[in-house]
Amino acid sequence: MTAKTEDNLKEYTRSQVEQHCTHDDLWLLFRDKVYNMTPYFNQHPGGLAILRYAGKDVTTVLPFVVSHGIAWKIVEQKLQEHLIGKLKE
């Protein structure tokens, strides 16, 4: 997979991200980047917990989930794999 750079990322508004809030259409916003986590939903080790944050900004939550601290490198890898855009200012 090629690296995604800021220059070629599509821009989405917060409102657009909020519309993707179900198990079969699940986007997250983290540090002003947009991630389509739909393909990862069934693999998420925390099960349905990810649904609580579907369509939301997880910047202040994601780094503080205790189990994420153990596997932060994996969290970062999964985010990079599912990066689709950035927040439109």
PDB file of N, CA and C in Angstrom:
ATOM      1  N   MET A   1       0.855  -1.176   0.000  1.00  0.00           N
ATOM      2  CA  MET A   1       0.000   0.000   0.000  1.00  0.00           C
ATOM      3  C   MET A   1       0.900   1.238   0.000  1.00  0.00           C
ATOM      4  N   THR A   2       0.511   2.216  -0.749  1.00  0.00           N
ATOM      5  CA  THR A   2       1.304   3.442  -0.799  1.00  0.00           C
ATOM      6  C   THR A   2       0.970   4.324   0.394  1.00  0.00           C
ATOM      7  N   ALA A   3       1.943   5.071   0.811  1.00  0.00           N
ATOM      8  CA  ALA A   3       1.731   5.977   1.944  1.00  0.00           C
ATOM      9  C   ALA A   3       0.762   7.081   1.548  1.00  0.00           C
ATOM     10  N   LYS A   4      -0.101   7.408   2.465  1.00  0.00           N
ATOM     11  CA  LYS A   4      -1.060   8.479   2.217  1.00  0.00           C
ATOM     12  C   LYS A   4      -0.499   9.761   2.802  1.00  0.00           C
ATOM     13  N   THR A   5      -0.505  10.804   2.019  1.00  0.00           N
ATOM     14  CA  THR A   5       0.025  12.075   2.498  1.00  0.00           C
ATOM     15  C   THR A   5      -1.094  13.079   2.680  1.00  0.00           C
ATOM     16  N   GLU A   6      -0.812  14.105   3.428  1.00  0.00           N
ATOM     17  CA  GLU A   6      -1.787  15.181   3.658  1.00  0.00           C
ATOM     18  C   GLU A   6      -2.298  15.758   2.346  1.00  0.00           C
ATOM     19  N   ASP A   7      -1.424  15.861   1.371  1.00  0.00           N
ATOM     20  CA  ASP A   7      -1.772  16.521   0.111  1.00  0.00           C
ATOM     21  C   ASP A   7      -2.854  15.817  -0.685  1.00  0.00           C
ATOM     22  N   ASN A   8      -2.911  14.490  -0.593  1.00  0.00           N
ATOM     23  CA  ASN A   8      -3.883  13.789  -1.426  1.00  0.00           C
ATOM     24  C   ASN A   8      -5.069  13.224  -0.640  1.00  0.00           C
ATOM     25  N   LEU A   9      -5.269  13.699   0.574  1.00  0.00           N
ATOM     26  CA  LEU A   9      -6.410  13.246   1.361  1.00  0.00           C
ATOM     27  C   LEU A   9      -7.640  14.084   1.057  1.00  0.00           C
ATOM     28  N   LYS A  10      -8.767  13.412   0.907  1.00  0.00           N
ATOM     29  CA  LYS A  10     -10.030  14.108   0.718  1.00  0.00           C
ATOM     30  C   LYS A  10     -10.418  14.794   2.026  1.00  0.00           C
ATOM     31  N   GLU A  11     -11.100  15.925   1.926  1.00  0.00           N
ATOM     32  CA  GLU A  11     -11.539  16.648   3.114  1.00  0.00           C
ATOM     33  C   GLU A  11     -13.005  16.356   3.416  1.00  0.00           C
ATOM     34  N   TYR A  12     -13.294  16.159   4.700  1.00  0.00           N
ATOM     35  CA  TYR A  12     -14.656  15.899   5.163  1.00  0.00           C
ATOM     36  C   TYR A  12     -14.978  16.853   6.302  1.00  0.00           C
ATOM     37  N   THR A  13     -16.233  17.257   6.381  1.00  0.00           N
ATOM     38  CA  THR A  13     -16.673  18.081   7.507  1.00  0.00           C
ATOM     39  C   THR A  13     -17.006  17.161   8.683  1.00  0.00           C
ATOM     40  N   ARG A  14     -17.053  17.746   9.857  1.00  0.00           N
ATOM     41  CA  ARG A  14     -17.432  16.983  11.055  1.00  0.00           C
ATOM     42  C   ARG A  14     -18.837  16.386  10.864  1.00  0.00           C
ATOM     43  N   SER A  15     -19.709  17.153  10.247  1.00  0.00           N
ATOM     44  CA  SER A  15     -21.073  16.690   9.989  1.00  0.00           C
ATOM     45  C   SER A  15     -21.090  15.457   9.075  1.00  0.00           C
ATOM     46  N   GLN A  16     -20.227  15.438   8.075  1.00  0.00           N
ATOM     47  CA  GLN A  16     -20.153  14.279   7.184  1.00  0.00           C
ATOM     48  C   GLN A  16     -19.679  13.040   7.944  1.00  0.00           C
ATOM     49  N   VAL A  17     -18.697  13.211   8.795  1.00  0.00           N
ATOM     50  CA  VAL A  17     -18.188  12.081   9.580  1.00  0.00           C
ATOM     51  C   VAL A  17     -19.285  11.540  10.489  1.00  0.00           C
ATOM     52  N   GLU A  18     -20.041  12.424  11.104  1.00  0.00           N
ATOM     53  CA  GLU A  18     -21.100  12.027  12.035  1.00  0.00           C
ATOM     54  C   GLU A  18     -22.173  11.164  11.380  1.00  0.00           C
ATOM     55  N   GLN A  19     -22.328  11.241  10.077  1.00  0.00           N
ATOM     56  CA  GLN A  19     -23.342  10.459   9.369  1.00  0.00           C
ATOM     57  C   GLN A  19     -22.956   8.985   9.251  1.00  0.00           C
ATOM     58  N   HIS A  20     -21.717   8.664   9.486  1.00  0.00           N
ATOM     59  CA  HIS A  20     -21.218   7.292   9.343  1.00  0.00           C
ATOM     60  C   HIS A  20     -21.085   6.676  10.728  1.00  0.00           C
ATOM     61  N   CYS A  21     -22.221   6.268  11.283  1.00  0.00           N
ATOM     62  CA  CYS A  21     -22.263   5.911  12.700  1.00  0.00           C
ATOM     63  C   CYS A  21     -22.943   4.571  12.989  1.00  0.00           C
ATOM     64  N   THR A  22     -22.827   3.628  12.077  1.00  0.00           N
ATOM     65  CA  THR A  22     -23.415   2.312  12.290  1.00  0.00           C
ATOM     66  C   THR A  22     -22.356   1.229  12.076  1.00  0.00           C
ATOM     67  N   HIS A  23     -22.677   0.001  12.448  1.00  0.00           N
ATOM     68  CA  HIS A  23     -21.706  -1.085  12.323  1.00  0.00           C
ATOM     69  C   HIS A  23     -21.311  -1.356  10.876  1.00  0.00           C
ATOM     70  N   ASP A  24     -22.182  -1.041   9.940  1.00  0.00           N
ATOM     71  CA  ASP A  24     -21.860  -1.302   8.534  1.00  0.00           C
ATOM     72  C   ASP A  24     -21.460  -0.031   7.779  1.00  0.00           C
ATOM     73  N   ASP A  25     -21.235   1.042   8.512  1.00  0.00           N
ATOM     74  CA  ASP A  25     -20.762   2.319   7.945  1.00  0.00           C
ATOM     75  C   ASP A  25     -20.181   3.132   9.098  1.00  0.00           C
ATOM     76  N   LEU A  26     -18.949   2.805   9.478  1.00  0.00           N
ATOM     77  CA  LEU A  26     -18.369   3.292  10.721  1.00  0.00           C
ATOM     78  C   LEU A  26     -17.108   4.115  10.459  1.00  0.00           C
ATOM     79  N   TRP A  27     -17.225   5.406  10.662  1.00  0.00           N
ATOM     80  CA  TRP A  27     -16.075   6.298  10.516  1.00  0.00           C
ATOM     81  C   TRP A  27     -15.718   6.868  11.873  1.00  0.00           C
ATOM     82  N   LEU A  28     -14.442   7.178  12.045  1.00  0.00           N
ATOM     83  CA  LEU A  28     -13.950   7.845  13.245  1.00  0.00           C
ATOM     84  C   LEU A  28     -13.135   9.060  12.837  1.00  0.00           C
ATOM     85  N   LEU A  29     -13.078  10.021  13.729  1.00  0.00           N
ATOM     86  CA  LEU A  29     -12.233  11.188  13.560  1.00  0.00           C
ATOM     87  C   LEU A  29     -11.198  11.136  14.677  1.00  0.00           C
ATOM     88  N   PHE A  30      -9.913  11.187  14.318  1.00  0.00           N
ATOM     89  CA  PHE A  30      -8.835  11.148  15.297  1.00  0.00           C
ATOM     90  C   PHE A  30      -7.731  12.093  14.861  1.00  0.00           C
ATOM     91  N   ARG A  31      -7.450  13.070  15.714  1.00  0.00           N
ATOM     92  CA  ARG A  31      -6.422  14.074  15.427  1.00  0.00           C
ATOM     93  C   ARG A  31      -6.600  14.699  14.041  1.00  0.00           C
ATOM     94  N   ASP A  32      -7.838  15.090  13.769  1.00  0.00           N
ATOM     95  CA  ASP A  32      -8.216  15.769  12.524  1.00  0.00           C
ATOM     96  C   ASP A  32      -8.054  14.920  11.268  1.00  0.00           C
ATOM     97  N   LYS A  33      -7.987  13.614  11.420  1.00  0.00           N
ATOM     98  CA  LYS A  33      -7.942  12.690  10.284  1.00  0.00           C
ATOM     99  C   LYS A  33      -9.211  11.839  10.330  1.00  0.00           C
ATOM    100  N   VAL A  34      -9.678  11.411   9.174  1.00  0.00           N
ATOM    101  CA  VAL A  34     -10.906  10.628   9.055  1.00  0.00           C
ATOM    102  C   VAL A  34     -10.535   9.187   8.686  1.00  0.00           C
ATOM    103  N   TYR A  35     -11.138   8.256   9.404  1.00  0.00           N
ATOM    104  CA  TYR A  35     -10.843   6.840   9.207  1.00  0.00           C
ATOM    105  C   TYR A  35     -12.136   6.070   8.967  1.00  0.00           C
ATOM    106  N   ASN A  36     -12.167   5.255   7.925  1.00  0.00           N
ATOM    107  CA  ASN A  36     -13.305   4.382   7.665  1.00  0.00           C
ATOM    108  C   ASN A  36     -12.982   3.036   8.301  1.00  0.00           C
ATOM    109  N   MET A  37     -13.528   2.807   9.477  1.00  0.00           N
ATOM    110  CA  MET A  37     -13.239   1.590  10.230  1.00  0.00           C
ATOM    111  C   MET A  37     -14.240   0.471   9.964  1.00  0.00           C
ATOM    112  N   THR A  38     -15.114   0.660   8.996  1.00  0.00           N
ATOM    113  CA  THR A  38     -16.120  -0.347   8.673  1.00  0.00           C
ATOM    114  C   THR A  38     -15.505  -1.725   8.420  1.00  0.00           C
ATOM    115  N   PRO A  39     -14.462  -1.830   7.588  1.00  0.00           N
ATOM    116  CA  PRO A  39     -13.898  -3.163   7.335  1.00  0.00           C
ATOM    117  C   PRO A  39     -13.265  -3.792   8.579  1.00  0.00           C
ATOM    118  N   TYR A  40     -12.911  -2.996   9.545  1.00  0.00           N
ATOM    119  CA  TYR A  40     -12.247  -3.472  10.760  1.00  0.00           C
ATOM    120  C   TYR A  40     -13.236  -3.837  11.866  1.00  0.00           C
ATOM    121  N   PHE A  41     -14.476  -3.435  11.727  1.00  0.00           N
ATOM    122  CA  PHE A  41     -15.464  -3.612  12.801  1.00  0.00           C
ATOM    123  C   PHE A  41     -15.506  -5.035  13.347  1.00  0.00           C
ATOM    124  N   ASN A  42     -15.623  -6.016  12.488  1.00  0.00           N
ATOM    125  CA  ASN A  42     -15.739  -7.408  12.948  1.00  0.00           C
ATOM    126  C   ASN A  42     -14.442  -7.960  13.526  1.00  0.00           C
ATOM    127  N   GLN A  43     -13.324  -7.299  13.289  1.00  0.00           N
ATOM    128  CA  GLN A  43     -12.034  -7.737  13.818  1.00  0.00           C
ATOM    129  C   GLN A  43     -11.660  -7.021  15.110  1.00  0.00           C
ATOM    130  N   HIS A  44     -12.383  -5.974  15.464  1.00  0.00           N
ATOM    131  CA  HIS A  44     -12.041  -5.164  16.634  1.00  0.00           C
ATOM    132  C   HIS A  44     -12.034  -6.032  17.890  1.00  0.00           C
ATOM    133  N   PRO A  45     -10.895  -6.123  18.578  1.00  0.00           N
ATOM    134  CA  PRO A  45     -10.797  -6.973  19.762  1.00  0.00           C
ATOM    135  C   PRO A  45     -11.751  -6.576  20.885  1.00  0.00           C
ATOM    136  N   GLY A  46     -12.159  -5.328  20.902  1.00  0.00           N
ATOM    137  CA  GLY A  46     -13.094  -4.856  21.930  1.00  0.00           C
ATOM    138  C   GLY A  46     -14.543  -5.065  21.564  1.00  0.00           C
ATOM    139  N   GLY A  47     -14.776  -5.815  20.494  1.00  0.00           N
ATOM    140  CA  GLY A  47     -16.144  -6.098  20.078  1.00  0.00           C
ATOM    141  C   GLY A  47     -16.928  -4.850  19.743  1.00  0.00           C
ATOM    142  N   LEU A  48     -18.108  -4.759  20.316  1.00  0.00           N
ATOM    143  CA  LEU A  48     -19.025  -3.661  20.001  1.00  0.00           C
ATOM    144  C   LEU A  48     -18.612  -2.315  20.596  1.00  0.00           C
ATOM    145  N   ALA A  49     -17.590  -2.287  21.427  1.00  0.00           N
ATOM    146  CA  ALA A  49     -17.176  -1.031  22.074  1.00  0.00           C
ATOM    147  C   ALA A  49     -16.893   0.075  21.069  1.00  0.00           C
ATOM    148  N   ILE A  50     -16.372  -0.278  19.920  1.00  0.00           N
ATOM    149  CA  ILE A  50     -16.053   0.714  18.890  1.00  0.00           C
ATOM    150  C   ILE A  50     -17.307   1.440  18.392  1.00  0.00           C
ATOM    151  N   LEU A  51     -18.453   0.774  18.479  1.00  0.00           N
ATOM    152  CA  LEU A  51     -19.712   1.386  18.019  1.00  0.00           C
ATOM    153  C   LEU A  51     -20.085   2.622  18.834  1.00  0.00           C
ATOM    154  N   ARG A  52     -19.683   2.663  20.098  1.00  0.00           N
ATOM    155  CA  ARG A  52     -19.976   3.816  20.942  1.00  0.00           C
ATOM    156  C   ARG A  52     -19.427   5.109  20.357  1.00  0.00           C
ATOM    157  N   TYR A  53     -18.373   4.979  19.572  1.00  0.00           N
ATOM    158  CA  TYR A  53     -17.685   6.152  19.044  1.00  0.00           C
ATOM    159  C   TYR A  53     -17.852   6.325  17.541  1.00  0.00           C
ATOM    160  N   ALA A  54     -18.700   5.527  16.943  1.00  0.00           N
ATOM    161  CA  ALA A  54     -18.928   5.616  15.499  1.00  0.00           C
ATOM    162  C   ALA A  54     -19.434   7.003  15.138  1.00  0.00           C
ATOM    163  N   GLY A  55     -18.752   7.622  14.164  1.00  0.00           N
ATOM    164  CA  GLY A  55     -19.136   8.944  13.708  1.00  0.00           C
ATOM    165  C   GLY A  55     -18.660  10.068  14.610  1.00  0.00           C
ATOM    166  N   LYS A  56     -17.802   9.748  15.578  1.00  0.00           N
ATOM    167  CA  LYS A  56     -17.384  10.755  16.560  1.00  0.00           C
ATOM    168  C   LYS A  56     -15.877  10.994  16.522  1.00  0.00           C
ATOM    169  N   ASP A  57     -15.485  12.057  17.196  1.00  0.00           N
ATOM    170  CA  ASP A  57     -14.077  12.390  17.364  1.00  0.00           C
ATOM    171  C   ASP A  57     -13.565  11.607  18.575  1.00  0.00           C
ATOM    172  N   VAL A  58     -12.584  10.754  18.371  1.00  0.00           N
ATOM    173  CA  VAL A  58     -12.047   9.918  19.440  1.00  0.00           C
ATOM    174  C   VAL A  58     -10.678  10.400  19.932  1.00  0.00           C
ATOM    175  N   THR A  59     -10.309  11.612  19.568  1.00  0.00           N
ATOM    176  CA  THR A  59      -8.993  12.153  19.913  1.00  0.00           C
ATOM    177  C   THR A  59      -8.734  12.132  21.418  1.00  0.00           C
ATOM    178  N   THR A  60      -9.724  12.466  22.213  1.00  0.00           N
ATOM    179  CA  THR A  60      -9.526  12.508  23.659  1.00  0.00           C
ATOM    180  C   THR A  60      -9.850  11.187  24.344  1.00  0.00           C
ATOM    181  N   VAL A  61     -10.256  10.183  23.574  1.00  0.00           N
ATOM    182  CA  VAL A  61     -10.639   8.897  24.150  1.00  0.00           C
ATOM    183  C   VAL A  61      -9.650   7.783  23.776  1.00  0.00           C
ATOM    184  N   LEU A  62      -9.356   7.657  22.512  1.00  0.00           N
ATOM    185  CA  LEU A  62      -8.569   6.544  21.991  1.00  0.00           C
ATOM    186  C   LEU A  62      -7.251   6.301  22.721  1.00  0.00           C
ATOM    187  N   PRO A  63      -6.441   7.317  22.962  1.00  0.00           N
ATOM    188  CA  PRO A  63      -5.154   7.062  23.618  1.00  0.00           C
ATOM    189  C   PRO A  63      -5.273   6.605  25.073  1.00  0.00           C
ATOM    190  N   PHE A  64      -6.442   6.767  25.662  1.00  0.00           N
ATOM    191  CA  PHE A  64      -6.606   6.467  27.082  1.00  0.00           C
ATOM    192  C   PHE A  64      -7.355   5.174  27.368  1.00  0.00           C
ATOM    193  N   VAL A  65      -7.700   4.421  26.341  1.00  0.00           N
ATOM    194  CA  VAL A  65      -8.300   3.112  26.542  1.00  0.00           C
ATOM    195  C   VAL A  65      -7.173   2.196  27.015  1.00  0.00           C
ATOM    196  N   VAL A  66      -7.335   1.620  28.190  1.00  0.00           N
ATOM    197  CA  VAL A  66      -6.260   0.859  28.823  1.00  0.00           C
ATOM    198  C   VAL A  66      -5.689  -0.213  27.900  1.00  0.00           C
ATOM    199  N   SER A  67      -6.531  -0.982  27.256  1.00  0.00           N
ATOM    200  CA  SER A  67      -6.028  -2.050  26.386  1.00  0.00           C
ATOM    201  C   SER A  67      -5.298  -1.502  25.169  1.00  0.00           C
ATOM    202  N   HIS A  68      -5.595  -0.283  24.757  1.00  0.00           N
ATOM    203  CA  HIS A  68      -4.879   0.315  23.628  1.00  0.00           C
ATOM    204  C   HIS A  68      -3.439   0.642  24.000  1.00  0.00           C
ATOM    205  N   GLY A  69      -3.201   0.958  25.256  1.00  0.00           N
ATOM    206  CA  GLY A  69      -1.848   1.254  25.700  1.00  0.00           C
ATOM    207  C   GLY A  69      -0.912   0.077  25.495  1.00  0.00           C
ATOM    208  N   ILE A  70      -1.435  -1.110  25.667  1.00  0.00           N
ATOM    209  CA  ILE A  70      -0.648  -2.324  25.498  1.00  0.00           C
ATOM    210  C   ILE A  70      -0.287  -2.529  24.038  1.00  0.00           C
ATOM    211  N   ALA A  71      -1.180  -2.162  23.161  1.00  0.00           N
ATOM    212  CA  ALA A  71      -0.998  -2.443  21.736  1.00  0.00           C
ATOM    213  C   ALA A  71      -1.061  -1.178  20.884  1.00  0.00           C
ATOM    214  N   TRP A  72      -0.513  -0.074  21.369  1.00  0.00           N
ATOM    215  CA  TRP A  72      -0.652   1.196  20.657  1.00  0.00           C
ATOM    216  C   TRP A  72      -0.097   1.141  19.243  1.00  0.00           C
ATOM    217  N   LYS A  73       0.989   0.408  19.022  1.00  0.00           N
ATOM    218  CA  LYS A  73       1.563   0.290  17.675  1.00  0.00           C
ATOM    219  C   LYS A  73       0.551  -0.347  16.724  1.00  0.00           C
ATOM    220  N   ILE A  74      -0.195  -1.291  17.209  1.00  0.00           N
ATOM    221  CA  ILE A  74      -1.223  -1.941  16.387  1.00  0.00           C
ATOM    222  C   ILE A  74      -2.352  -0.965  16.099  1.00  0.00           C
ATOM    223  N   VAL A  75      -2.742  -0.179  17.102  1.00  0.00           N
ATOM    224  CA  VAL A  75      -3.784   0.839  16.909  1.00  0.00           C
ATOM    225  C   VAL A  75      -3.345   1.810  15.816  1.00  0.00           C
ATOM    226  N   GLU A  76      -2.113   2.293  15.906  1.00  0.00           N
ATOM    227  CA  GLU A  76      -1.605   3.219  14.895  1.00  0.00           C
ATOM    228  C   GLU A  76      -1.588   2.577  13.507  1.00  0.00           C
ATOM    229  N   GLN A  77      -1.211   1.321  13.432  1.00  0.00           N
ATOM    230  CA  GLN A  77      -1.175   0.607  12.148  1.00  0.00           C
ATOM    231  C   GLN A  77      -2.575   0.489  11.556  1.00  0.00           C
ATOM    232  N   LYS A  78      -3.533   0.113  12.379  1.00  0.00           N
ATOM    233  CA  LYS A  78      -4.916  -0.034  11.894  1.00  0.00           C
ATOM    234  C   LYS A  78      -5.478   1.313  11.436  1.00  0.00           C
ATOM    235  N   LEU A  79      -5.170   2.369  12.167  1.00  0.00           N
ATOM    236  CA  LEU A  79      -5.635   3.691  11.746  1.00  0.00           C
ATOM    237  C   LEU A  79      -5.051   4.041  10.387  1.00  0.00           C
ATOM    238  N   GLN A  80      -3.760   3.844  10.213  1.00  0.00           N
ATOM    239  CA  GLN A  80      -3.121   4.167   8.942  1.00  0.00           C
ATOM    240  C   GLN A  80      -3.740   3.370   7.789  1.00  0.00           C
ATOM    241  N   GLU A  81      -4.049   2.106   8.042  1.00  0.00           N
ATOM    242  CA  GLU A  81      -4.650   1.253   7.012  1.00  0.00           C
ATOM    243  C   GLU A  81      -6.028   1.746   6.592  1.00  0.00           C
ATOM    244  N   HIS A  82      -6.723   2.437   7.472  1.00  0.00           N
ATOM    245  CA  HIS A  82      -8.105   2.845   7.210  1.00  0.00           C
ATOM    246  C   HIS A  82      -8.273   4.350   7.033  1.00  0.00           C
ATOM    247  N   LEU A  83      -7.180   5.060   6.883  1.00  0.00           N
ATOM    248  CA  LEU A  83      -7.210   6.502   6.670  1.00  0.00           C
ATOM    249  C   LEU A  83      -7.852   6.835   5.319  1.00  0.00           C
ATOM    250  N   ILE A  84      -8.849   7.706   5.341  1.00  0.00           N
ATOM    251  CA  ILE A  84      -9.502   8.091   4.070  1.00  0.00           C
ATOM    252  C   ILE A  84      -9.522   9.590   3.848  1.00  0.00           C
ATOM    253  N   GLY A  85      -9.250  10.378   4.882  1.00  0.00           N
ATOM    254  CA  GLY A  85      -9.338  11.821   4.671  1.00  0.00           C
ATOM    255  C   GLY A  85      -8.891  12.613   5.875  1.00  0.00           C
ATOM    256  N   LYS A  86      -9.159  13.901   5.782  1.00  0.00           N
ATOM    257  CA  LYS A  86      -8.829  14.815   6.875  1.00  0.00           C
ATOM    258  C   LYS A  86     -10.008  15.735   7.116  1.00  0.00           C
ATOM    259  N   LEU A  87     -10.021  16.326   8.319  1.00  0.00           N
ATOM    260  CA  LEU A  87     -11.096  17.219   8.689  1.00  0.00           C
ATOM    261  C   LEU A  87     -10.987  18.516   7.908  1.00  0.00           C
ATOM    262  N   LYS A  88     -12.100  18.932   7.356  1.00  0.00           N
ATOM    263  CA  LYS A  88     -12.153  20.202   6.632  1.00  0.00           C
ATOM    264  C   LYS A  88     -12.320  21.321   7.634  1.00  0.00           C
ATOM    265  N   GLU A  89     -11.449  22.267   7.589  1.00  0.00           N
ATOM    266  CA  GLU A  89     -11.481  23.402   8.535  1.00  0.00           C
ATOM    267  C   GLU A  89     -12.564  24.391   8.159  1.00  0.00           C
TER     268      GLU A  89
END
